[in-house]
Each structure stands twice: as C-alpha cells, then as structure tokens.
Amino acid sequence: MPRKKDGMLFEVHPSPAKGKDGKNIVYVRPAGNMKLSMQGLEDYCNRNYHSLYGELGRAFDYFLRAAGEVMAMGYRIETPIGSFAPRLKLLREVTDPNEVKGIDVVFDGVDYNPGKLWNRELEKWSRGFRRANNPNTQEVLADKQQLEKVLRQQLGDGGYTTVHRFALASDLTYYSARKLLNAWCEGENPKLLKTRQGQVFIYTEV
C-alpha cells in the first residue's frame, strides 16, 4: 500500500491512564516540530492570499492594544475567531460576599472561547492525517544521560526551563516532562527549584 504523502502529521504517546489490558492508553497530538512564526504566517498570507507584507502583524498589534484596553474595562470581545474575556481571581479566601473589595481582586489571564469557526476551517482544509515517527517515551525516559544533557543546555540558554520547552527539546510528552522536572525538584539534594511566574512554572538550577 502506498504511503500517504499529505495530511497533518501526528504523534502517538502513552497517557497515564491504563486500558483493560493493563497497558497505558495512547493519545494523539500534532507533530511537535510543526511550528510557524508570525513572520512565517505573514509570508504565507503574502504568497497565498496576496496580502501586503506586515498587514497581518499590524492587525494583531491593533487588536492586542485595543482589546487589552477594553477588556481592562470588563468587556467581553466577540470576534470571528471566538470570544475573549478578562478572567479575575481573589487574592484571599472570602466566604462573605459583602467583604469583597476592589483591592481583593486581580486579573488572572484571558478566557478564550474559539466557537465553531475554527472547526469549520480545519475541516475545510483537512487532507487527512499521517503518522510521524515520534520517539518512544519510555525509551527517552530510560536515557537519563541524554535528558540531563538537554536540561543543562536549557539552563545554559537563559538560566531556566519550562515544561513546554523541556518537552519539545527532549521528545517527551508534556505529562512526562512535568513529572520528571518535578522529580528533579525533590529529595535531599534537588537539581532544580520550581517557581511560579504568572501562569507558568519555571525551573531553575538550585
């Protein structure tokens, strides 16, 4: 049978959940090496949709500034690609609603609801799926020397790593990368220190 040459590349990874046979249930995700920068997207639009170069970047810039300003007032923004709304949280635990004051409230990010438009666009352009030859997670985890080498490289490049960065560089799943990084933070002589910065945990050398 001829090998499929188009369609989205996907990877297969084991999940923490076990199946009826006692083995890890697998899940699929897009191939981790499929990335496109903003400049790459500008080039694509210029080449395929005849847009002016920089037009897309300027549109994002206008949206970021205007949306940030009006969402800071409390507005939810409805757009063709979904809705955006400010997310809030309390700085302290409160049980009486009457005790909540403005100084107790802070921003906690942005809620995004993509709606149905993305699904329709993806289905319109889809050419099926192709399996990528992604590394076996258990084999990657067994090579401790290589994993520590990847960690040293990431700590040397900026002084920190994150679960996402480490997962991409090591060919681990997000779950396995997080589990390993957290394990390196434990014990009497931990390798790493875990610190929260905004919505992300960073890992630095002890």
N, C-alpha and C. Protein backbone atom coordinates (compact mmCIF):
# COMPACT_ATOMS: atom_id res chain seq x y z
N MET A 1 0.85 -1.19 0.00
CA MET A 1 0.00 0.00 0.00
C MET A 1 0.89 1.25 0.00
N PRO A 2 0.65 2.19 -0.90
CA PRO A 2 1.49 3.40 -0.94
C PRO A 2 1.34 4.22 0.33
N ARG A 3 2.44 4.84 0.74
CA ARG A 3 2.43 5.65 1.96
C ARG A 3 1.77 6.99 1.68
N LYS A 4 0.89 7.41 2.59
CA LYS A 4 0.20 8.69 2.44
C LYS A 4 1.22 9.82 2.52
N LYS A 5 1.14 10.78 1.58
CA LYS A 5 2.14 11.84 1.49
C LYS A 5 1.59 13.23 1.83
N ASP A 6 0.31 13.32 2.17
CA ASP A 6 -0.23 14.61 2.59
C ASP A 6 -1.06 14.41 3.85
N GLY A 7 -1.61 15.49 4.37
CA GLY A 7 -2.36 15.40 5.62
C GLY A 7 -1.51 15.83 6.81
N MET A 8 -2.15 16.04 7.94
CA MET A 8 -1.46 16.51 9.15
C MET A 8 -0.62 15.39 9.76
N LEU A 9 0.64 15.72 10.06
CA LEU A 9 1.49 14.78 10.78
C LEU A 9 1.07 14.72 12.24
N PHE A 10 0.93 13.51 12.77
CA PHE A 10 0.57 13.37 14.18
C PHE A 10 1.49 12.37 14.87
N GLU A 11 1.58 12.52 16.19
CA GLU A 11 2.38 11.62 17.02
C GLU A 11 1.46 10.82 17.93
N VAL A 12 1.94 9.66 18.35
CA VAL A 12 1.20 8.81 19.29
C VAL A 12 2.01 8.70 20.57
N HIS A 13 1.36 8.97 21.71
CA HIS A 13 2.04 8.92 23.00
C HIS A 13 1.20 8.17 24.03
N PRO A 14 1.84 7.56 25.03
CA PRO A 14 1.07 6.91 26.10
C PRO A 14 0.57 7.93 27.10
N SER A 15 -0.64 7.74 27.60
CA SER A 15 -1.21 8.60 28.64
C SER A 15 -1.04 7.90 29.99
N PRO A 16 -1.29 8.61 31.09
CA PRO A 16 -1.17 7.96 32.41
C PRO A 16 -2.25 6.90 32.66
N ALA A 17 -3.38 7.00 31.96
CA ALA A 17 -4.50 6.07 32.19
C ALA A 17 -4.19 4.68 31.63
N LYS A 18 -4.70 3.67 32.30
CA LYS A 18 -4.49 2.28 31.89
C LYS A 18 -5.73 1.75 31.19
N GLY A 19 -5.51 0.90 30.19
CA GLY A 19 -6.60 0.24 29.49
C GLY A 19 -6.98 -1.07 30.15
N LYS A 20 -7.92 -1.80 29.55
CA LYS A 20 -8.37 -3.07 30.12
C LYS A 20 -7.27 -4.11 30.16
N ASP A 21 -6.28 -3.97 29.25
CA ASP A 21 -5.18 -4.93 29.21
C ASP A 21 -4.05 -4.54 30.17
N GLY A 22 -4.23 -3.46 30.95
CA GLY A 22 -3.21 -3.04 31.91
C GLY A 22 -2.14 -2.14 31.33
N LYS A 23 -2.18 -1.91 30.03
CA LYS A 23 -1.19 -1.04 29.38
C LYS A 23 -1.71 0.39 29.31
N ASN A 24 -0.78 1.33 29.10
CA ASN A 24 -1.17 2.74 29.01
C ASN A 24 -2.00 2.99 27.76
N ILE A 25 -3.12 3.69 27.94
CA ILE A 25 -3.93 4.12 26.80
C ILE A 25 -3.15 5.21 26.06
N VAL A 26 -3.12 5.14 24.74
CA VAL A 26 -2.37 6.13 23.97
C VAL A 26 -3.28 7.28 23.53
N TYR A 27 -2.67 8.42 23.24
CA TYR A 27 -3.39 9.56 22.68
C TYR A 27 -2.57 10.12 21.53
N VAL A 28 -3.20 10.94 20.72
CA VAL A 28 -2.51 11.52 19.56
C VAL A 28 -2.46 13.04 19.70
N ARG A 29 -1.44 13.63 19.08
CA ARG A 29 -1.29 15.09 19.06
C ARG A 29 -0.55 15.46 17.78
N PRO A 30 -0.68 16.72 17.31
CA PRO A 30 0.08 17.13 16.13
C PRO A 30 1.58 16.99 16.39
N ALA A 31 2.34 16.71 15.34
CA ALA A 31 3.79 16.55 15.47
C ALA A 31 4.40 17.80 16.10
N GLY A 32 5.29 17.58 17.09
CA GLY A 32 5.82 18.69 17.87
C GLY A 32 6.72 19.63 17.11
N ASN A 33 7.25 19.20 15.96
CA ASN A 33 8.18 20.06 15.21
C ASN A 33 7.47 20.95 14.19
N MET A 34 6.13 20.92 14.18
CA MET A 34 5.37 21.72 13.22
C MET A 34 5.06 23.08 13.84
N LYS A 35 5.93 24.06 13.59
CA LYS A 35 5.76 25.40 14.14
C LYS A 35 5.92 26.44 13.04
N LEU A 36 5.18 27.53 13.20
CA LEU A 36 5.25 28.62 12.23
C LEU A 36 5.28 29.93 13.00
N SER A 37 6.29 30.75 12.74
CA SER A 37 6.40 32.05 13.42
C SER A 37 5.43 33.04 12.80
N MET A 38 5.32 34.21 13.44
CA MET A 38 4.47 35.27 12.90
C MET A 38 4.97 35.70 11.53
N GLN A 39 6.29 35.76 11.38
CA GLN A 39 6.86 36.14 10.08
C GLN A 39 6.53 35.08 9.04
N GLY A 40 6.57 33.80 9.46
CA GLY A 40 6.22 32.72 8.54
C GLY A 40 4.77 32.81 8.10
N LEU A 41 3.88 33.19 9.04
CA LEU A 41 2.47 33.34 8.70
C LEU A 41 2.26 34.53 7.77
N GLU A 42 3.03 35.62 8.01
CA GLU A 42 2.97 36.77 7.11
C GLU A 42 3.38 36.35 5.70
N ASP A 43 4.47 35.59 5.59
CA ASP A 43 4.94 35.12 4.29
C ASP A 43 3.87 34.27 3.61
N TYR A 44 3.22 33.40 4.38
CA TYR A 44 2.19 32.52 3.83
C TYR A 44 1.02 33.33 3.28
N CYS A 45 0.58 34.33 4.05
CA CYS A 45 -0.54 35.16 3.61
C CYS A 45 -0.17 35.98 2.38
N ASN A 46 1.06 36.49 2.36
CA ASN A 46 1.53 37.28 1.22
C ASN A 46 1.58 36.42 -0.04
N ARG A 47 2.05 35.19 0.13
CA ARG A 47 2.23 34.29 -1.01
C ARG A 47 0.90 33.71 -1.51
N ASN A 48 0.00 33.37 -0.58
CA ASN A 48 -1.22 32.65 -0.96
C ASN A 48 -2.47 33.52 -1.02
N TYR A 49 -2.46 34.65 -0.28
CA TYR A 49 -3.65 35.50 -0.26
C TYR A 49 -3.36 36.92 -0.74
N HIS A 50 -2.14 37.14 -1.22
CA HIS A 50 -1.75 38.44 -1.79
C HIS A 50 -1.93 39.60 -0.81
N SER A 51 -1.76 39.34 0.48
CA SER A 51 -1.84 40.42 1.47
C SER A 51 -0.56 41.24 1.42
N LEU A 52 -0.65 42.48 1.86
CA LEU A 52 0.55 43.31 1.96
C LEU A 52 1.41 42.80 3.10
N TYR A 53 2.72 42.76 2.87
CA TYR A 53 3.59 42.25 3.92
C TYR A 53 3.55 43.18 5.14
N GLY A 54 3.34 42.61 6.32
CA GLY A 54 3.23 43.39 7.55
C GLY A 54 1.80 43.69 7.93
N GLU A 55 0.86 43.47 7.00
CA GLU A 55 -0.55 43.78 7.26
C GLU A 55 -1.10 42.93 8.41
N LEU A 56 -0.78 41.65 8.41
CA LEU A 56 -1.28 40.76 9.46
C LEU A 56 -0.70 41.14 10.82
N GLY A 57 0.60 41.44 10.84
CA GLY A 57 1.24 41.83 12.09
C GLY A 57 0.63 43.11 12.66
N ARG A 58 0.35 44.08 11.77
CA ARG A 58 -0.26 45.33 12.23
C ARG A 58 -1.66 45.07 12.78
N ALA A 59 -2.42 44.17 12.13
CA ALA A 59 -3.76 43.86 12.61
C ALA A 59 -3.70 43.25 14.02
N PHE A 60 -2.73 42.35 14.23
CA PHE A 60 -2.57 41.75 15.56
C PHE A 60 -2.18 42.82 16.58
N ASP A 61 -1.32 43.73 16.17
CA ASP A 61 -0.87 44.78 17.08
C ASP A 61 -2.04 45.68 17.48
N TYR A 62 -2.88 46.08 16.50
CA TYR A 62 -4.05 46.90 16.81
C TYR A 62 -4.99 46.14 17.74
N PHE A 63 -5.20 44.87 17.43
CA PHE A 63 -6.13 44.07 18.24
C PHE A 63 -5.62 43.95 19.67
N LEU A 64 -4.32 43.67 19.83
CA LEU A 64 -3.74 43.49 21.15
C LEU A 64 -3.93 44.75 22.01
N ARG A 65 -3.62 45.92 21.42
CA ARG A 65 -3.72 47.16 22.18
C ARG A 65 -5.18 47.53 22.48
N ALA A 66 -6.03 47.44 21.47
CA ALA A 66 -7.43 47.83 21.66
C ALA A 66 -8.16 46.84 22.56
N ALA A 67 -7.94 45.55 22.33
CA ALA A 67 -8.61 44.54 23.14
C ALA A 67 -8.14 44.61 24.59
N GLY A 68 -6.84 44.84 24.79
CA GLY A 68 -6.34 44.97 26.15
C GLY A 68 -6.99 46.13 26.88
N GLU A 69 -7.17 47.23 26.16
CA GLU A 69 -7.76 48.42 26.79
C GLU A 69 -9.21 48.20 27.18
N VAL A 70 -10.01 47.64 26.26
CA VAL A 70 -11.44 47.49 26.57
C VAL A 70 -11.70 46.30 27.51
N MET A 71 -10.87 45.25 27.42
CA MET A 71 -11.05 44.15 28.37
C MET A 71 -10.69 44.58 29.78
N ALA A 72 -9.76 45.53 29.90
CA ALA A 72 -9.41 46.07 31.22
C ALA A 72 -10.58 46.83 31.83
N MET A 73 -11.56 47.21 30.97
CA MET A 73 -12.79 47.85 31.48
C MET A 73 -13.84 46.80 31.85
N GLY A 74 -13.59 45.53 31.47
CA GLY A 74 -14.53 44.47 31.81
C GLY A 74 -15.31 43.91 30.64
N TYR A 75 -15.02 44.39 29.42
CA TYR A 75 -15.77 43.93 28.26
C TYR A 75 -15.33 42.54 27.80
N ARG A 76 -16.29 41.74 27.33
CA ARG A 76 -16.01 40.53 26.55
C ARG A 76 -16.03 40.93 25.08
N ILE A 77 -15.05 40.48 24.31
CA ILE A 77 -14.96 40.85 22.90
C ILE A 77 -15.36 39.66 22.04
N GLU A 78 -16.35 39.85 21.18
CA GLU A 78 -16.80 38.81 20.25
C GLU A 78 -16.15 39.07 18.89
N THR A 79 -15.42 38.09 18.37
CA THR A 79 -14.74 38.23 17.08
C THR A 79 -15.07 37.05 16.19
N PRO A 80 -14.72 37.11 14.90
CA PRO A 80 -14.97 35.97 14.01
C PRO A 80 -14.21 34.71 14.43
N ILE A 81 -13.13 34.86 15.21
CA ILE A 81 -12.37 33.67 15.62
C ILE A 81 -12.65 33.26 17.06
N GLY A 82 -13.70 33.83 17.66
CA GLY A 82 -14.08 33.45 19.01
C GLY A 82 -14.18 34.66 19.93
N SER A 83 -14.45 34.40 21.19
CA SER A 83 -14.63 35.48 22.15
C SER A 83 -13.49 35.50 23.17
N PHE A 84 -13.17 36.71 23.63
CA PHE A 84 -12.10 36.93 24.60
C PHE A 84 -12.70 37.70 25.77
N ALA A 85 -12.35 37.27 27.00
CA ALA A 85 -12.88 37.96 28.18
C ALA A 85 -11.86 37.93 29.30
N PRO A 86 -11.81 39.00 30.11
CA PRO A 86 -10.88 39.01 31.24
C PRO A 86 -11.30 37.99 32.30
N ARG A 87 -10.32 37.33 32.89
CA ARG A 87 -10.58 36.38 33.98
C ARG A 87 -10.03 36.98 35.28
N LEU A 88 -10.81 36.92 36.34
CA LEU A 88 -10.44 37.53 37.62
C LEU A 88 -10.27 36.47 38.70
N LYS A 89 -9.56 36.86 39.76
CA LYS A 89 -9.48 35.98 40.94
C LYS A 89 -9.32 36.84 42.18
N LEU A 90 -9.62 36.24 43.33
CA LEU A 90 -9.46 36.91 44.62
C LEU A 90 -8.08 36.61 45.19
N LEU A 91 -7.50 37.62 45.85
CA LEU A 91 -6.18 37.45 46.46
C LEU A 91 -6.25 36.72 47.80
N ARG A 92 -7.45 36.62 48.36
CA ARG A 92 -7.60 35.95 49.65
C ARG A 92 -8.88 35.14 49.67
N GLU A 93 -8.95 34.21 50.59
CA GLU A 93 -10.15 33.37 50.71
C GLU A 93 -11.23 34.14 51.46
N VAL A 94 -12.41 34.26 50.86
CA VAL A 94 -13.52 35.01 51.45
C VAL A 94 -14.78 34.16 51.36
N THR A 95 -15.55 34.14 52.43
CA THR A 95 -16.82 33.40 52.43
C THR A 95 -18.02 34.33 52.42
N ASP A 96 -17.84 35.57 52.86
CA ASP A 96 -18.93 36.54 52.88
C ASP A 96 -18.81 37.48 51.68
N PRO A 97 -19.75 37.44 50.73
CA PRO A 97 -19.67 38.30 49.54
C PRO A 97 -19.56 39.78 49.87
N ASN A 98 -20.13 40.19 50.99
CA ASN A 98 -20.11 41.61 51.36
C ASN A 98 -18.72 42.09 51.76
N GLU A 99 -17.80 41.16 52.03
CA GLU A 99 -16.46 41.54 52.45
C GLU A 99 -15.51 41.78 51.27
N VAL A 100 -15.94 41.40 50.07
CA VAL A 100 -15.06 41.53 48.90
C VAL A 100 -14.96 42.99 48.46
N LYS A 101 -13.73 43.49 48.37
CA LYS A 101 -13.49 44.86 47.94
C LYS A 101 -12.59 44.85 46.69
N GLY A 102 -12.49 46.01 46.06
CA GLY A 102 -11.70 46.12 44.83
C GLY A 102 -10.25 45.71 45.00
N ILE A 103 -9.67 46.00 46.18
CA ILE A 103 -8.25 45.66 46.40
C ILE A 103 -8.03 44.16 46.52
N ASP A 104 -9.12 43.40 46.67
CA ASP A 104 -9.01 41.94 46.77
C ASP A 104 -8.97 41.25 45.41
N VAL A 105 -9.23 42.01 44.34
CA VAL A 105 -9.40 41.42 43.01
C VAL A 105 -8.20 41.73 42.12
N VAL A 106 -7.75 40.73 41.36
CA VAL A 106 -6.68 40.91 40.38
C VAL A 106 -7.03 40.18 39.08
N PHE A 107 -6.37 40.56 38.00
CA PHE A 107 -6.54 39.84 36.74
C PHE A 107 -5.88 38.47 36.83
N ASP A 108 -6.50 37.48 36.22
CA ASP A 108 -5.96 36.12 36.22
C ASP A 108 -5.89 35.57 34.80
N GLY A 109 -5.62 36.43 33.82
CA GLY A 109 -5.47 35.97 32.45
C GLY A 109 -6.68 36.30 31.59
N VAL A 110 -6.77 35.62 30.46
CA VAL A 110 -7.83 35.85 29.49
C VAL A 110 -8.51 34.53 29.15
N ASP A 111 -9.83 34.51 29.23
CA ASP A 111 -10.60 33.34 28.80
C ASP A 111 -10.87 33.46 27.30
N TYR A 112 -10.62 32.37 26.59
CA TYR A 112 -10.83 32.36 25.14
C TYR A 112 -11.76 31.21 24.77
N ASN A 113 -12.84 31.53 24.08
CA ASN A 113 -13.78 30.52 23.58
C ASN A 113 -13.74 30.56 22.06
N PRO A 114 -13.13 29.55 21.41
CA PRO A 114 -12.94 29.61 19.96
C PRO A 114 -14.21 29.48 19.14
N GLY A 115 -15.29 28.99 19.73
CA GLY A 115 -16.50 28.83 18.94
C GLY A 115 -16.36 27.74 17.88
N LYS A 116 -17.22 27.76 16.88
CA LYS A 116 -17.27 26.71 15.87
C LYS A 116 -16.50 27.05 14.59
N LEU A 117 -16.07 28.30 14.45
CA LEU A 117 -15.44 28.72 13.20
C LEU A 117 -14.15 27.96 12.92
N TRP A 118 -13.31 27.78 13.96
CA TRP A 118 -12.05 27.06 13.77
C TRP A 118 -12.31 25.64 13.28
N ASN A 119 -13.28 24.97 13.88
CA ASN A 119 -13.58 23.60 13.45
C ASN A 119 -13.96 23.54 11.98
N ARG A 120 -14.78 24.51 11.56
CA ARG A 120 -15.21 24.52 10.15
C ARG A 120 -14.02 24.76 9.22
N GLU A 121 -13.12 25.69 9.62
CA GLU A 121 -11.95 25.97 8.78
C GLU A 121 -11.01 24.76 8.71
N LEU A 122 -10.76 24.12 9.86
CA LEU A 122 -9.88 22.96 9.87
C LEU A 122 -10.45 21.83 9.02
N GLU A 123 -11.75 21.59 9.15
CA GLU A 123 -12.38 20.53 8.36
C GLU A 123 -12.36 20.85 6.87
N LYS A 124 -12.48 22.15 6.55
CA LYS A 124 -12.48 22.56 5.14
C LYS A 124 -11.14 22.28 4.47
N TRP A 125 -10.03 22.52 5.21
CA TRP A 125 -8.70 22.38 4.64
C TRP A 125 -8.07 21.01 4.89
N SER A 126 -8.71 20.19 5.70
CA SER A 126 -8.09 18.93 6.10
C SER A 126 -7.89 17.98 4.92
N ARG A 127 -6.70 17.36 4.87
CA ARG A 127 -6.40 16.34 3.86
C ARG A 127 -6.13 15.00 4.54
N GLY A 128 -6.68 14.82 5.74
CA GLY A 128 -6.44 13.58 6.47
C GLY A 128 -5.26 13.70 7.40
N PHE A 129 -4.73 12.56 7.82
CA PHE A 129 -3.67 12.54 8.82
C PHE A 129 -2.60 11.52 8.46
N ARG A 130 -1.34 11.86 8.82
CA ARG A 130 -0.21 10.95 8.61
C ARG A 130 0.50 10.77 9.94
N ARG A 131 0.91 9.54 10.22
CA ARG A 131 1.61 9.30 11.48
C ARG A 131 3.08 9.66 11.34
N ALA A 132 3.59 10.43 12.31
CA ALA A 132 5.01 10.75 12.37
C ALA A 132 5.73 9.70 13.20
N ASN A 133 7.01 9.49 12.90
CA ASN A 133 7.79 8.52 13.66
C ASN A 133 8.37 9.18 14.91
N ASN A 134 7.49 9.42 15.88
CA ASN A 134 7.95 10.07 17.10
C ASN A 134 8.62 9.07 18.04
N PRO A 135 9.58 9.53 18.86
CA PRO A 135 10.29 8.63 19.76
C PRO A 135 9.37 7.99 20.79
N ASN A 136 9.74 6.81 21.25
CA ASN A 136 9.01 6.11 22.30
C ASN A 136 9.34 6.77 23.65
N THR A 137 8.31 7.18 24.38
CA THR A 137 8.51 7.91 25.63
C THR A 137 9.32 7.12 26.64
N GLN A 138 9.05 5.82 26.75
CA GLN A 138 9.76 5.00 27.74
C GLN A 138 11.25 4.91 27.40
N GLU A 139 11.56 4.83 26.11
CA GLU A 139 12.96 4.77 25.70
C GLU A 139 13.67 6.10 25.99
N VAL A 140 12.96 7.20 25.76
CA VAL A 140 13.53 8.52 26.04
C VAL A 140 13.79 8.67 27.53
N LEU A 141 12.83 8.25 28.38
CA LEU A 141 12.99 8.35 29.82
C LEU A 141 14.13 7.48 30.34
N ALA A 142 14.39 6.38 29.65
CA ALA A 142 15.44 5.46 30.09
C ALA A 142 16.84 6.05 29.88
N ASP A 143 16.98 7.00 28.95
CA ASP A 143 18.28 7.60 28.67
C ASP A 143 18.49 8.82 29.56
N LYS A 144 18.81 8.57 30.83
CA LYS A 144 18.96 9.64 31.83
C LYS A 144 20.07 10.63 31.44
N GLN A 145 21.14 10.09 30.86
CA GLN A 145 22.29 10.94 30.49
C GLN A 145 21.88 11.98 29.46
N GLN A 146 21.11 11.56 28.45
CA GLN A 146 20.67 12.49 27.42
C GLN A 146 19.68 13.51 27.98
N LEU A 147 18.81 13.09 28.88
CA LEU A 147 17.84 14.01 29.47
C LEU A 147 18.55 15.09 30.31
N GLU A 148 19.58 14.69 31.05
CA GLU A 148 20.32 15.66 31.84
C GLU A 148 21.12 16.60 30.93
N LYS A 149 21.57 16.10 29.79
CA LYS A 149 22.27 16.95 28.82
C LYS A 149 21.33 18.03 28.28
N VAL A 150 20.09 17.61 27.95
CA VAL A 150 19.09 18.56 27.46
C VAL A 150 18.81 19.61 28.53
N LEU A 151 18.69 19.17 29.79
CA LEU A 151 18.44 20.10 30.88
C LEU A 151 19.57 21.11 31.01
N ARG A 152 20.81 20.65 30.97
CA ARG A 152 21.96 21.56 31.08
C ARG A 152 21.96 22.59 29.96
N GLN A 153 21.63 22.14 28.74
CA GLN A 153 21.58 23.06 27.59
C GLN A 153 20.52 24.14 27.80
N GLN A 154 19.36 23.74 28.33
CA GLN A 154 18.28 24.71 28.53
C GLN A 154 18.59 25.68 29.67
N LEU A 155 19.20 25.17 30.73
CA LEU A 155 19.58 26.06 31.83
C LEU A 155 20.67 27.03 31.40
N GLY A 156 21.53 26.58 30.48
CA GLY A 156 22.58 27.46 29.97
C GLY A 156 22.05 28.50 29.01
N ASP A 157 20.87 28.25 28.45
CA ASP A 157 20.26 29.17 27.49
C ASP A 157 19.14 29.95 28.17
N GLY A 158 19.51 30.94 28.97
CA GLY A 158 18.52 31.76 29.65
C GLY A 158 18.41 31.49 31.14
N GLY A 159 19.02 30.39 31.61
CA GLY A 159 19.04 30.11 33.04
C GLY A 159 17.83 29.40 33.59
N TYR A 160 16.91 28.99 32.71
CA TYR A 160 15.71 28.30 33.21
C TYR A 160 15.13 27.42 32.10
N THR A 161 14.15 26.59 32.50
CA THR A 161 13.36 25.86 31.52
C THR A 161 11.92 25.83 32.00
N THR A 162 11.02 25.42 31.12
CA THR A 162 9.61 25.20 31.47
C THR A 162 9.23 23.81 31.00
N VAL A 163 8.08 23.35 31.41
CA VAL A 163 7.62 22.02 30.99
C VAL A 163 7.52 21.97 29.47
N HIS A 164 6.94 23.01 28.88
CA HIS A 164 6.74 23.02 27.42
C HIS A 164 8.08 23.00 26.69
N ARG A 165 9.02 23.84 27.11
CA ARG A 165 10.34 23.90 26.46
C ARG A 165 11.07 22.57 26.60
N PHE A 166 11.03 22.01 27.79
CA PHE A 166 11.77 20.77 28.04
C PHE A 166 11.14 19.61 27.27
N ALA A 167 9.81 19.59 27.18
CA ALA A 167 9.13 18.53 26.44
C ALA A 167 9.52 18.55 24.97
N LEU A 168 9.55 19.74 24.37
CA LEU A 168 9.91 19.86 22.95
C LEU A 168 11.37 19.46 22.71
N ALA A 169 12.26 19.88 23.60
CA ALA A 169 13.69 19.61 23.40
C ALA A 169 14.06 18.16 23.67
N SER A 170 13.31 17.49 24.53
CA SER A 170 13.67 16.13 24.94
C SER A 170 12.87 15.04 24.24
N ASP A 171 11.85 15.42 23.46
CA ASP A 171 10.94 14.47 22.80
C ASP A 171 10.06 13.73 23.79
N LEU A 172 9.86 14.32 24.97
CA LEU A 172 8.93 13.74 25.95
C LEU A 172 7.55 14.34 25.76
N THR A 173 6.53 13.65 26.29
CA THR A 173 5.20 14.24 26.34
C THR A 173 5.19 15.32 27.42
N TYR A 174 4.20 16.18 27.36
CA TYR A 174 4.08 17.25 28.37
C TYR A 174 3.97 16.63 29.76
N TYR A 175 3.15 15.58 29.89
CA TYR A 175 2.95 14.93 31.19
C TYR A 175 4.26 14.35 31.72
N SER A 176 5.00 13.63 30.86
CA SER A 176 6.25 13.01 31.30
C SER A 176 7.30 14.05 31.63
N ALA A 177 7.36 15.13 30.84
CA ALA A 177 8.33 16.20 31.10
C ALA A 177 8.03 16.87 32.44
N ARG A 178 6.77 17.14 32.72
CA ARG A 178 6.40 17.76 34.00
C ARG A 178 6.74 16.84 35.18
N LYS A 179 6.45 15.55 35.02
CA LYS A 179 6.72 14.59 36.09
C LYS A 179 8.23 14.51 36.38
N LEU A 180 9.05 14.52 35.33
CA LEU A 180 10.50 14.43 35.50
C LEU A 180 11.06 15.70 36.12
N LEU A 181 10.64 16.87 35.63
CA LEU A 181 11.11 18.13 36.18
C LEU A 181 10.74 18.27 37.65
N ASN A 182 9.52 17.87 38.00
CA ASN A 182 9.10 17.94 39.40
C ASN A 182 9.91 16.97 40.26
N ALA A 183 10.25 15.81 39.71
CA ALA A 183 11.06 14.84 40.46
C ALA A 183 12.45 15.41 40.73
N TRP A 184 12.98 16.18 39.79
CA TRP A 184 14.30 16.80 39.98
C TRP A 184 14.25 17.93 41.01
N CYS A 185 13.06 18.34 41.41
CA CYS A 185 12.92 19.37 42.46
C CYS A 185 12.83 18.76 43.85
N GLU A 186 12.75 17.44 43.94
CA GLU A 186 12.52 16.78 45.22
C GLU A 186 13.80 16.12 45.76
N GLY A 187 13.71 15.61 46.98
CA GLY A 187 14.83 14.90 47.60
C GLY A 187 15.73 15.81 48.42
N GLU A 188 16.74 15.21 49.03
CA GLU A 188 17.65 15.96 49.89
C GLU A 188 18.58 16.87 49.08
N ASN A 189 18.91 16.45 47.87
CA ASN A 189 19.79 17.26 47.01
C ASN A 189 19.11 17.51 45.65
N PRO A 190 18.09 18.37 45.63
CA PRO A 190 17.36 18.60 44.36
C PRO A 190 18.24 19.30 43.32
N LYS A 191 17.98 18.99 42.06
CA LYS A 191 18.69 19.64 40.96
C LYS A 191 18.07 21.00 40.64
N LEU A 192 16.73 21.08 40.80
CA LEU A 192 16.00 22.25 40.32
C LEU A 192 15.15 22.89 41.40
N LEU A 193 14.85 24.17 41.18
CA LEU A 193 13.93 24.92 42.02
C LEU A 193 12.75 25.34 41.14
N LYS A 194 11.53 25.05 41.59
CA LYS A 194 10.32 25.35 40.83
C LYS A 194 9.70 26.64 41.35
N THR A 195 9.47 27.60 40.45
CA THR A 195 8.92 28.89 40.83
C THR A 195 7.80 29.27 39.87
N ARG A 196 6.71 29.81 40.42
CA ARG A 196 5.61 30.25 39.57
C ARG A 196 5.85 31.67 39.09
N GLN A 197 5.70 31.89 37.77
CA GLN A 197 5.76 33.22 37.19
C GLN A 197 4.52 33.43 36.33
N GLY A 198 3.54 34.17 36.87
CA GLY A 198 2.28 34.34 36.15
C GLY A 198 1.54 33.03 36.06
N GLN A 199 1.26 32.60 34.84
CA GLN A 199 0.53 31.35 34.62
C GLN A 199 1.46 30.17 34.37
N VAL A 200 2.78 30.39 34.45
CA VAL A 200 3.75 29.34 34.08
C VAL A 200 4.70 29.06 35.24
N PHE A 201 5.07 27.79 35.41
CA PHE A 201 6.10 27.42 36.36
C PHE A 201 7.44 27.36 35.62
N ILE A 202 8.45 27.99 36.19
CA ILE A 202 9.80 27.90 35.62
C ILE A 202 10.68 27.08 36.55
N TYR A 203 11.66 26.41 35.98
CA TYR A 203 12.58 25.55 36.71
C TYR A 203 13.99 26.11 36.55
N THR A 204 14.62 26.43 37.67
CA THR A 204 15.97 26.97 37.65
C THR A 204 16.89 26.06 38.47
N GLU A 205 18.19 26.23 38.25
CA GLU A 205 19.17 25.43 38.97
C GLU A 205 19.23 25.85 40.43
N VAL A 206 19.33 24.88 41.33
CA VAL A 206 19.41 25.18 42.77
C VAL A 206 20.76 25.81 43.08
